Amino acid sequence: MDLVSTVGESAALGASGIVMWGGTKDYNNKAACQAL
């Protein structure tokens, strides 16, 4: 539902794209990488 509210909204409004950002602490261990 929230992807519709972010990615979907941006596309429907006329944005050129969406950038999915992440920090160094987001995916720095096995559990986080598997979840991603």
Full PDB file with SEQRES, HELIX, SHEET, SSBOND, CRYST1, ORIGX, SCALE, CONECT and MASTER records, all heavy atoms in Angstrom:
SEQRES   1 A   36  MET ASP LEU VAL SER THR VAL GLY GLU SER ALA ALA LEU          
SEQRES   2 A   36  GLY ALA SER GLY ILE VAL MET TRP GLY GLY THR LYS ASP          
SEQRES   3 A   36  TYR ASN ASN LYS ALA ALA CYS GLN ALA LEU                      
HELIX    1 AA1 ASP A    2  LEU A    3  1                                   2    
HELIX    2 AA2 VAL A    4  GLY A    8  3                                   5    
HELIX    3 AA3 GLU A    9  LEU A   13  1                                   5    
HELIX    4 AA4 LYS A   30  ALA A   35  1                                   6    
CRYST1    1.000    1.000    1.000  90.00  90.00  90.00 P 1           1          
ORIGX1      1.000000  0.000000  0.000000        0.00000                         
ORIGX2      0.000000  1.000000  0.000000        0.00000                         
ORIGX3      0.000000  0.000000  1.000000        0.00000                         
SCALE1      1.000000  0.000000  0.000000        0.00000                         
SCALE2      0.000000  1.000000  0.000000        0.00000                         
SCALE3      0.000000  0.000000  1.000000        0.00000                         
ATOM      1  N   MET A   1       0.828  -1.205   0.000  1.00  0.00           N  
ATOM      2  CA  MET A   1       0.000   0.000   0.000  1.00  0.00           C  
ATOM      3  C   MET A   1       0.864   1.257   0.000  1.00  0.00           C  
ATOM      4  O   MET A   1       0.567   2.234  -0.687  1.00  0.00           O  
ATOM      5  CB  MET A   1      -0.934  -0.004   1.212  1.00  0.00           C  
ATOM      6  CG  MET A   1      -1.825   1.228   1.313  1.00  0.00           C  
ATOM      7  SD  MET A   1      -2.963   1.116   2.724  1.00  0.00           S  
ATOM      8  CE  MET A   1      -3.749   2.739   2.655  1.00  0.00           C  
ATOM      9  N   ASP A   2       1.950   1.217   0.758  1.00  0.00           N  
ATOM     10  CA  ASP A   2       2.813   2.398   0.844  1.00  0.00           C  
ATOM     11  C   ASP A   2       3.695   2.558  -0.387  1.00  0.00           C  
ATOM     12  O   ASP A   2       4.125   3.673  -0.698  1.00  0.00           O  
ATOM     13  CB  ASP A   2       3.647   2.353   2.128  1.00  0.00           C  
ATOM     14  CG  ASP A   2       2.773   2.563   3.360  1.00  0.00           C  
ATOM     15  OD1 ASP A   2       1.695   3.174   3.217  1.00  0.00           O  
ATOM     16  OD2 ASP A   2       3.149   2.102   4.451  1.00  0.00           O  
ATOM     17  N   LEU A   3       3.976   1.471  -1.087  1.00  0.00           N  
ATOM     18  CA  LEU A   3       4.664   1.603  -2.381  1.00  0.00           C  
ATOM     19  C   LEU A   3       3.765   2.330  -3.375  1.00  0.00           C  
ATOM     20  O   LEU A   3       4.233   3.143  -4.175  1.00  0.00           O  
ATOM     21  CB  LEU A   3       5.049   0.228  -2.926  1.00  0.00           C  
ATOM     22  CG  LEU A   3       6.263  -0.450  -2.288  1.00  0.00           C  
ATOM     23  CD1 LEU A   3       6.477  -1.818  -2.911  1.00  0.00           C  
ATOM     24  CD2 LEU A   3       7.513   0.402  -2.449  1.00  0.00           C  
ATOM     25  N   VAL A   4       2.481   2.059  -3.321  1.00  0.00           N  
ATOM     26  CA  VAL A   4       1.534   2.795  -4.168  1.00  0.00           C  
ATOM     27  C   VAL A   4       1.573   4.280  -3.804  1.00  0.00           C  
ATOM     28  O   VAL A   4       1.548   5.154  -4.679  1.00  0.00           O  
ATOM     29  CB  VAL A   4       0.099   2.241  -4.009  1.00  0.00           C  
ATOM     30  CG1 VAL A   4      -0.903   3.094  -4.798  1.00  0.00           C  
ATOM     31  CG2 VAL A   4       0.033   0.792  -4.465  1.00  0.00           C  
ATOM     32  N   SER A   5       1.688   4.565  -2.500  1.00  0.00           N  
ATOM     33  CA  SER A   5       1.699   5.955  -2.030  1.00  0.00           C  
ATOM     34  C   SER A   5       3.001   6.685  -2.329  1.00  0.00           C  
ATOM     35  O   SER A   5       3.030   7.921  -2.266  1.00  0.00           O  
ATOM     36  CB  SER A   5       1.436   5.999  -0.517  1.00  0.00           C  
ATOM     37  OG  SER A   5       0.141   5.519  -0.225  1.00  0.00           O  
ATOM     38  N   THR A   6       4.071   5.963  -2.624  1.00  0.00           N  
ATOM     39  CA  THR A   6       5.355   6.608  -2.918  1.00  0.00           C  
ATOM     40  C   THR A   6       5.714   6.457  -4.395  1.00  0.00           C  
ATOM     41  O   THR A   6       5.692   7.430  -5.152  1.00  0.00           O  
ATOM     42  CB  THR A   6       6.466   6.027  -2.027  1.00  0.00           C  
ATOM     43  OG1 THR A   6       6.462   4.596  -2.100  1.00  0.00           O  
ATOM     44  CG2 THR A   6       6.290   6.462  -0.586  1.00  0.00           C  
ATOM     45  N   VAL A   7       5.988   5.237  -4.820  1.00  0.00           N  
ATOM     46  CA  VAL A   7       6.342   4.984  -6.223  1.00  0.00           C  
ATOM     47  C   VAL A   7       5.164   5.320  -7.140  1.00  0.00           C  
ATOM     48  O   VAL A   7       5.296   6.023  -8.141  1.00  0.00           O  
ATOM     49  CB  VAL A   7       6.783   3.519  -6.427  1.00  0.00           C  
ATOM     50  CG1 VAL A   7       7.107   3.258  -7.890  1.00  0.00           C  
ATOM     51  CG2 VAL A   7       7.982   3.187  -5.543  1.00  0.00           C  
ATOM     52  N   GLY A   8       3.981   4.810  -6.791  1.00  0.00           N  
ATOM     53  CA  GLY A   8       2.803   5.013  -7.618  1.00  0.00           C  
ATOM     54  C   GLY A   8       2.406   6.465  -7.738  1.00  0.00           C  
ATOM     55  O   GLY A   8       2.080   6.945  -8.835  1.00  0.00           O  
ATOM     56  N   GLU A   9       2.421   7.184  -6.630  1.00  0.00           N  
ATOM     57  CA  GLU A   9       2.083   8.620  -6.649  1.00  0.00           C  
ATOM     58  C   GLU A   9       3.068   9.392  -7.522  1.00  0.00           C  
ATOM     59  O   GLU A   9       2.675  10.235  -8.326  1.00  0.00           O  
ATOM     60  CB  GLU A   9       2.095   9.198  -5.230  1.00  0.00           C  
ATOM     61  CG  GLU A   9       0.868   8.903  -4.404  1.00  0.00           C  
ATOM     62  CD  GLU A   9      -0.370   9.678  -4.872  1.00  0.00           C  
ATOM     63  OE1 GLU A   9      -0.217  10.772  -5.432  1.00  0.00           O  
ATOM     64  OE2 GLU A   9      -1.487   9.167  -4.672  1.00  0.00           O  
ATOM     65  N   SER A  10       4.352   9.126  -7.354  1.00  0.00           N  
ATOM     66  CA  SER A  10       5.386   9.862  -8.095  1.00  0.00           C  
ATOM     67  C   SER A  10       5.209   9.690  -9.599  1.00  0.00           C  
ATOM     68  O   SER A  10       5.297  10.652 -10.368  1.00  0.00           O  
ATOM     69  CB  SER A  10       6.778   9.386  -7.663  1.00  0.00           C  
ATOM     70  OG  SER A  10       6.979   9.622  -6.285  1.00  0.00           O  
ATOM     71  N   ALA A  11       4.932   8.453 -10.029  1.00  0.00           N  
ATOM     72  CA  ALA A  11       4.757   8.191 -11.457  1.00  0.00           C  
ATOM     73  C   ALA A  11       3.500   8.859 -11.991  1.00  0.00           C  
ATOM     74  O   ALA A  11       3.509   9.473 -13.065  1.00  0.00           O  
ATOM     75  CB  ALA A  11       4.709   6.690 -11.711  1.00  0.00           C  
ATOM     76  N   ALA A  12       2.402   8.755 -11.251  1.00  0.00           N  
ATOM     77  CA  ALA A  12       1.125   9.298 -11.720  1.00  0.00           C  
ATOM     78  C   ALA A  12       1.139  10.822 -11.803  1.00  0.00           C  
ATOM     79  O   ALA A  12       0.455  11.414 -12.641  1.00  0.00           O  
ATOM     80  CB  ALA A  12      -0.008   8.843 -10.800  1.00  0.00           C  
ATOM     81  N   LEU A  13       1.931  11.464 -10.949  1.00  0.00           N  
ATOM     82  CA  LEU A  13       1.989  12.932 -10.929  1.00  0.00           C  
ATOM     83  C   LEU A  13       2.871  13.501 -12.040  1.00  0.00           C  
ATOM     84  O   LEU A  13       2.786  14.680 -12.351  1.00  0.00           O  
ATOM     85  CB  LEU A  13       2.496  13.409  -9.569  1.00  0.00           C  
ATOM     86  CG  LEU A  13       1.507  13.238  -8.413  1.00  0.00           C  
ATOM     87  CD1 LEU A  13       2.221  13.388  -7.076  1.00  0.00           C  
ATOM     88  CD2 LEU A  13       0.370  14.244  -8.515  1.00  0.00           C  
ATOM     89  N   GLY A  14       3.750  12.669 -12.600  1.00  0.00           N  
ATOM     90  CA  GLY A  14       4.602  13.143 -13.686  1.00  0.00           C  
ATOM     91  C   GLY A  14       6.060  13.299 -13.333  1.00  0.00           C  
ATOM     92  O   GLY A  14       6.807  13.963 -14.060  1.00  0.00           O  
ATOM     93  N   ALA A  15       6.502  12.672 -12.225  1.00  0.00           N  
ATOM     94  CA  ALA A  15       7.930  12.690 -11.900  1.00  0.00           C  
ATOM     95  C   ALA A  15       8.687  11.857 -12.928  1.00  0.00           C  
ATOM     96  O   ALA A  15       8.133  10.947 -13.551  1.00  0.00           O  
ATOM     97  CB  ALA A  15       8.172  12.145 -10.496  1.00  0.00           C  
ATOM     98  N   SER A  16       9.973  12.166 -13.110  1.00  0.00           N  
ATOM     99  CA  SER A  16      10.795  11.418 -14.061  1.00  0.00           C  
ATOM    100  C   SER A  16      11.296  10.107 -13.483  1.00  0.00           C  
ATOM    101  O   SER A  16      11.726   9.227 -14.227  1.00  0.00           O  
ATOM    102  CB  SER A  16      11.992  12.269 -14.495  1.00  0.00           C  
ATOM    103  OG  SER A  16      11.548  13.381 -15.239  1.00  0.00           O  
ATOM    104  N   GLY A  17      11.266   9.989 -12.158  1.00  0.00           N  
ATOM    105  CA  GLY A  17      11.732   8.749 -11.570  1.00  0.00           C  
ATOM    106  C   GLY A  17      11.739   8.812 -10.061  1.00  0.00           C  
ATOM    107  O   GLY A  17      11.438   9.840  -9.449  1.00  0.00           O  
ATOM    108  N   ILE A  18      12.079   7.683  -9.470  1.00  0.00           N  
ATOM    109  CA  ILE A  18      12.197   7.593  -8.022  1.00  0.00           C  
ATOM    110  C   ILE A  18      13.566   7.011  -7.687  1.00  0.00           C  
ATOM    111  O   ILE A  18      14.063   6.121  -8.386  1.00  0.00           O  
ATOM    112  CB  ILE A  18      11.062   6.744  -7.418  1.00  0.00           C  
ATOM    113  CG1 ILE A  18      10.988   6.956  -5.906  1.00  0.00           C  
ATOM    114  CG2 ILE A  18      11.187   5.279  -7.780  1.00  0.00           C  
ATOM    115  CD1 ILE A  18       9.612   6.741  -5.325  1.00  0.00           C  
ATOM    116  N   VAL A  19      14.202   7.553  -6.657  1.00  0.00           N  
ATOM    117  CA  VAL A  19      15.510   7.089  -6.198  1.00  0.00           C  
ATOM    118  C   VAL A  19      15.309   6.397  -4.857  1.00  0.00           C  
ATOM    119  O   VAL A  19      14.850   7.013  -3.896  1.00  0.00           O  
ATOM    120  CB  VAL A  19      16.501   8.268  -6.037  1.00  0.00           C  
ATOM    121  CG1 VAL A  19      17.865   7.759  -5.550  1.00  0.00           C  
ATOM    122  CG2 VAL A  19      16.639   9.047  -7.332  1.00  0.00           C  
ATOM    123  N   MET A  20      15.628   5.116  -4.802  1.00  0.00           N  
ATOM    124  CA  MET A  20      15.494   4.365  -3.546  1.00  0.00           C  
ATOM    125  C   MET A  20      16.839   4.403  -2.820  1.00  0.00           C  
ATOM    126  O   MET A  20      17.786   3.707  -3.202  1.00  0.00           O  
ATOM    127  CB  MET A  20      15.067   2.932  -3.834  1.00  0.00           C  
ATOM    128  CG  MET A  20      13.726   2.814  -4.559  1.00  0.00           C  
ATOM    129  SD  MET A  20      12.334   3.649  -3.727  1.00  0.00           S  
ATOM    130  CE  MET A  20      12.072   2.586  -2.322  1.00  0.00           C  
ATOM    131  N   TRP A  21      16.882   5.216  -1.781  1.00  0.00           N  
ATOM    132  CA  TRP A  21      18.139   5.482  -1.066  1.00  0.00           C  
ATOM    133  C   TRP A  21      18.267   4.578   0.156  1.00  0.00           C  
ATOM    134  O   TRP A  21      17.283   4.144   0.747  1.00  0.00           O  
ATOM    135  CB  TRP A  21      18.188   6.949  -0.641  1.00  0.00           C  
ATOM    136  CG  TRP A  21      19.444   7.332   0.090  1.00  0.00           C  
ATOM    137  CD1 TRP A  21      20.616   7.745  -0.461  1.00  0.00           C  
ATOM    138  CD2 TRP A  21      19.645   7.319   1.513  1.00  0.00           C  
ATOM    139  NE1 TRP A  21      21.540   8.002   0.536  1.00  0.00           N  
ATOM    140  CE2 TRP A  21      20.978   7.742   1.757  1.00  0.00           C  
ATOM    141  CE3 TRP A  21      18.833   6.996   2.604  1.00  0.00           C  
ATOM    142  CZ2 TRP A  21      21.496   7.852   3.034  1.00  0.00           C  
ATOM    143  CZ3 TRP A  21      19.356   7.091   3.885  1.00  0.00           C  
ATOM    144  CH2 TRP A  21      20.684   7.519   4.089  1.00  0.00           C  
ATOM    145  N   GLY A  22      19.502   4.311   0.533  1.00  0.00           N  
ATOM    146  CA  GLY A  22      19.761   3.574   1.762  1.00  0.00           C  
ATOM    147  C   GLY A  22      21.076   4.011   2.366  1.00  0.00           C  
ATOM    148  O   GLY A  22      21.994   4.438   1.656  1.00  0.00           O  
ATOM    149  N   GLY A  23      21.185   3.922   3.694  1.00  0.00           N  
ATOM    150  CA  GLY A  23      22.402   4.309   4.402  1.00  0.00           C  
ATOM    151  C   GLY A  23      23.290   3.117   4.704  1.00  0.00           C  
ATOM    152  O   GLY A  23      22.920   1.956   4.472  1.00  0.00           O  
ATOM    153  N   THR A  24      24.462   3.397   5.238  1.00  0.00           N  
ATOM    154  CA  THR A  24      25.442   2.335   5.509  1.00  0.00           C  
ATOM    155  C   THR A  24      24.956   1.349   6.572  1.00  0.00           C  
ATOM    156  O   THR A  24      25.386   0.197   6.604  1.00  0.00           O  
ATOM    157  CB  THR A  24      26.774   2.951   5.971  1.00  0.00           C  
ATOM    158  OG1 THR A  24      26.526   3.834   7.078  1.00  0.00           O  
ATOM    159  CG2 THR A  24      27.436   3.729   4.847  1.00  0.00           C  
ATOM    160  N   LYS A  25      24.056   1.774   7.440  1.00  0.00           N  
ATOM    161  CA  LYS A  25      23.577   0.894   8.522  1.00  0.00           C  
ATOM    162  C   LYS A  25      22.363   0.062   8.105  1.00  0.00           C  
ATOM    163  O   LYS A  25      21.919  -0.804   8.863  1.00  0.00           O  
ATOM    164  CB  LYS A  25      23.210   1.734   9.743  1.00  0.00           C  
ATOM    165  CG  LYS A  25      24.392   2.452  10.381  1.00  0.00           C  
ATOM    166  CD  LYS A  25      23.949   3.274  11.577  1.00  0.00           C  
ATOM    167  CE  LYS A  25      25.120   4.029  12.201  1.00  0.00           C  
ATOM    168  NZ  LYS A  25      24.687   4.872  13.356  1.00  0.00           N  
ATOM    169  N   ASP A  26      21.825   0.323   6.919  1.00  0.00           N  
ATOM    170  CA  ASP A  26      20.586  -0.350   6.525  1.00  0.00           C  
ATOM    171  C   ASP A  26      20.778  -1.823   6.187  1.00  0.00           C  
ATOM    172  O   ASP A  26      19.939  -2.663   6.517  1.00  0.00           O  
ATOM    173  CB  ASP A  26      19.952   0.369   5.329  1.00  0.00           C  
ATOM    174  CG  ASP A  26      19.375   1.724   5.709  1.00  0.00           C  
ATOM    175  OD1 ASP A  26      19.211   1.976   6.922  1.00  0.00           O  
ATOM    176  OD2 ASP A  26      19.100   2.533   4.801  1.00  0.00           O  
ATOM    177  N   TYR A  27      21.865  -2.124   5.473  1.00  0.00           N  
ATOM    178  CA  TYR A  27      22.061  -3.496   4.974  1.00  0.00           C  
ATOM    179  C   TYR A  27      23.495  -3.934   5.270  1.00  0.00           C  
ATOM    180  O   TYR A  27      24.291  -4.172   4.364  1.00  0.00           O  
ATOM    181  CB  TYR A  27      21.774  -3.557   3.470  1.00  0.00           C  
ATOM    182  CG  TYR A  27      20.500  -2.821   3.082  1.00  0.00           C  
ATOM    183  CD1 TYR A  27      20.549  -1.652   2.321  1.00  0.00           C  
ATOM    184  CD2 TYR A  27      19.254  -3.275   3.506  1.00  0.00           C  
ATOM    185  CE1 TYR A  27      19.393  -0.963   1.996  1.00  0.00           C  
ATOM    186  CE2 TYR A  27      18.087  -2.590   3.188  1.00  0.00           C  
ATOM    187  CZ  TYR A  27      18.163  -1.432   2.424  1.00  0.00           C  
ATOM    188  OH  TYR A  27      17.017  -0.747   2.114  1.00  0.00           O  
ATOM    189  N   ASN A  28      23.837  -4.034   6.549  1.00  0.00           N  
ATOM    190  CA  ASN A  28      25.222  -4.317   6.924  1.00  0.00           C  
ATOM    191  C   ASN A  28      25.391  -5.627   7.693  1.00  0.00           C  
ATOM    192  O   ASN A  28      26.396  -5.855   8.340  1.00  0.00           O  
ATOM    193  CB  ASN A  28      25.802  -3.155   7.744  1.00  0.00           C  
ATOM    194  CG  ASN A  28      25.066  -2.955   9.063  1.00  0.00           C  
ATOM    195  OD1 ASN A  28      24.075  -3.633   9.334  1.00  0.00           O  
ATOM    196  ND2 ASN A  28      25.541  -2.025   9.874  1.00  0.00           N  
ATOM    197  N   ASN A  29      24.379  -6.499   7.625  1.00  0.00           N  
ATOM    198  CA  ASN A  29      24.515  -7.804   8.269  1.00  0.00           C  
ATOM    199  C   ASN A  29      23.672  -8.827   7.508  1.00  0.00           C  
ATOM    200  O   ASN A  29      22.878  -8.477   6.635  1.00  0.00           O  
ATOM    201  CB  ASN A  29      24.110  -7.747   9.749  1.00  0.00           C  
ATOM    202  CG  ASN A  29      22.669  -7.289   9.923  1.00  0.00           C  
ATOM    203  OD1 ASN A  29      21.728  -7.983   9.530  1.00  0.00           O  
ATOM    204  ND2 ASN A  29      22.481  -6.106  10.512  1.00  0.00           N  
ATOM    205  N   LYS A  30      23.840 -10.092   7.836  1.00  0.00           N  
ATOM    206  CA  LYS A  30      23.198 -11.177   7.095  1.00  0.00           C  
ATOM    207  C   LYS A  30      21.676 -11.075   7.143  1.00  0.00           C  
ATOM    208  O   LYS A  30      20.995 -11.222   6.113  1.00  0.00           O  
ATOM    209  CB  LYS A  30      23.656 -12.521   7.654  1.00  0.00           C  
ATOM    210  CG  LYS A  30      23.155 -13.711   6.847  1.00  0.00           C  
ATOM    211  CD  LYS A  30      23.726 -15.012   7.389  1.00  0.00           C  
ATOM    212  CE  LYS A  30      23.239 -16.200   6.544  1.00  0.00           C  
ATOM    213  NZ  LYS A  30      23.784 -17.483   7.076  1.00  0.00           N  
ATOM    214  N   ALA A  31      21.126 -10.817   8.307  1.00  0.00           N  
ATOM    215  CA  ALA A  31      19.669 -10.748   8.453  1.00  0.00           C  
ATOM    216  C   ALA A  31      19.086  -9.624   7.608  1.00  0.00           C  
ATOM    217  O   ALA A  31      18.058  -9.796   6.937  1.00  0.00           O  
ATOM    218  CB  ALA A  31      19.293 -10.563   9.920  1.00  0.00           C  
ATOM    219  N   ALA A  32      19.739  -8.451   7.632  1.00  0.00           N  
ATOM    220  CA  ALA A  32      19.247  -7.301   6.870  1.00  0.00           C  
ATOM    221  C   ALA A  32      19.325  -7.563   5.372  1.00  0.00           C  
ATOM    222  O   ALA A  32      18.412  -7.211   4.611  1.00  0.00           O  
ATOM    223  CB  ALA A  32      20.052  -6.052   7.233  1.00  0.00           C  
ATOM    224  N   CYS A  33      20.406  -8.199   4.939  1.00  0.00           N  
ATOM    225  CA  CYS A  33      20.574  -8.499   3.518  1.00  0.00           C  
ATOM    226  C   CYS A  33      19.552  -9.534   3.043  1.00  0.00           C  
ATOM    227  O   CYS A  33      18.995  -9.421   1.946  1.00  0.00           O  
ATOM    228  CB  CYS A  33      21.990  -8.994   3.238  1.00  0.00           C  
ATOM    229  SG  CYS A  33      23.253  -7.704   3.374  1.00  0.00           S  
ATOM    230  N   GLN A  34      19.299 -10.538   3.846  1.00  0.00           N  
ATOM    231  CA  GLN A  34      18.312 -11.544   3.482  1.00  0.00           C  
ATOM    232  C   GLN A  34      16.916 -10.939   3.413  1.00  0.00           C  
ATOM    233  O   GLN A  34      16.132 -11.251   2.511  1.00  0.00           O  
ATOM    234  CB  GLN A  34      18.341 -12.705   4.485  1.00  0.00           C  
ATOM    235  CG  GLN A  34      19.551 -13.616   4.319  1.00  0.00           C  
ATOM    236  CD  GLN A  34      19.595 -14.739   5.343  1.00  0.00           C  
ATOM    237  OE1 GLN A  34      19.064 -14.612   6.444  1.00  0.00           O  
ATOM    238  NE2 GLN A  34      20.242 -15.840   4.975  1.00  0.00           N  
ATOM    239  N   ALA A  35      16.617 -10.057   4.364  1.00  0.00           N  
ATOM    240  CA  ALA A  35      15.308  -9.402   4.371  1.00  0.00           C  
ATOM    241  C   ALA A  35      15.136  -8.531   3.126  1.00  0.00           C  
ATOM    242  O   ALA A  35      14.071  -8.515   2.503  1.00  0.00           O  
ATOM    243  CB  ALA A  35      15.151  -8.554   5.635  1.00  0.00           C  
ATOM    244  N   LEU A  36      16.200  -7.819   2.751  1.00  0.00           N  
ATOM    245  CA  LEU A  36      16.143  -6.987   1.546  1.00  0.00           C  
ATOM    246  C   LEU A  36      15.963  -7.847   0.303  1.00  0.00           C  
ATOM    247  O   LEU A  36      15.156  -7.529  -0.585  1.00  0.00           O  
ATOM    248  CB  LEU A  36      17.422  -6.152   1.418  1.00  0.00           C  
ATOM    249  CG  LEU A  36      17.564  -5.333   0.125  1.00  0.00           C  
ATOM    250  CD1 LEU A  36      16.441  -4.305  -0.008  1.00  0.00           C  
ATOM    251  CD2 LEU A  36      18.935  -4.656   0.068  1.00  0.00           C  
TER     252      LEU A  36                                                      
MASTER        0    0    0    4    0    0    0    6  251    1    0    3          
END                                                                             
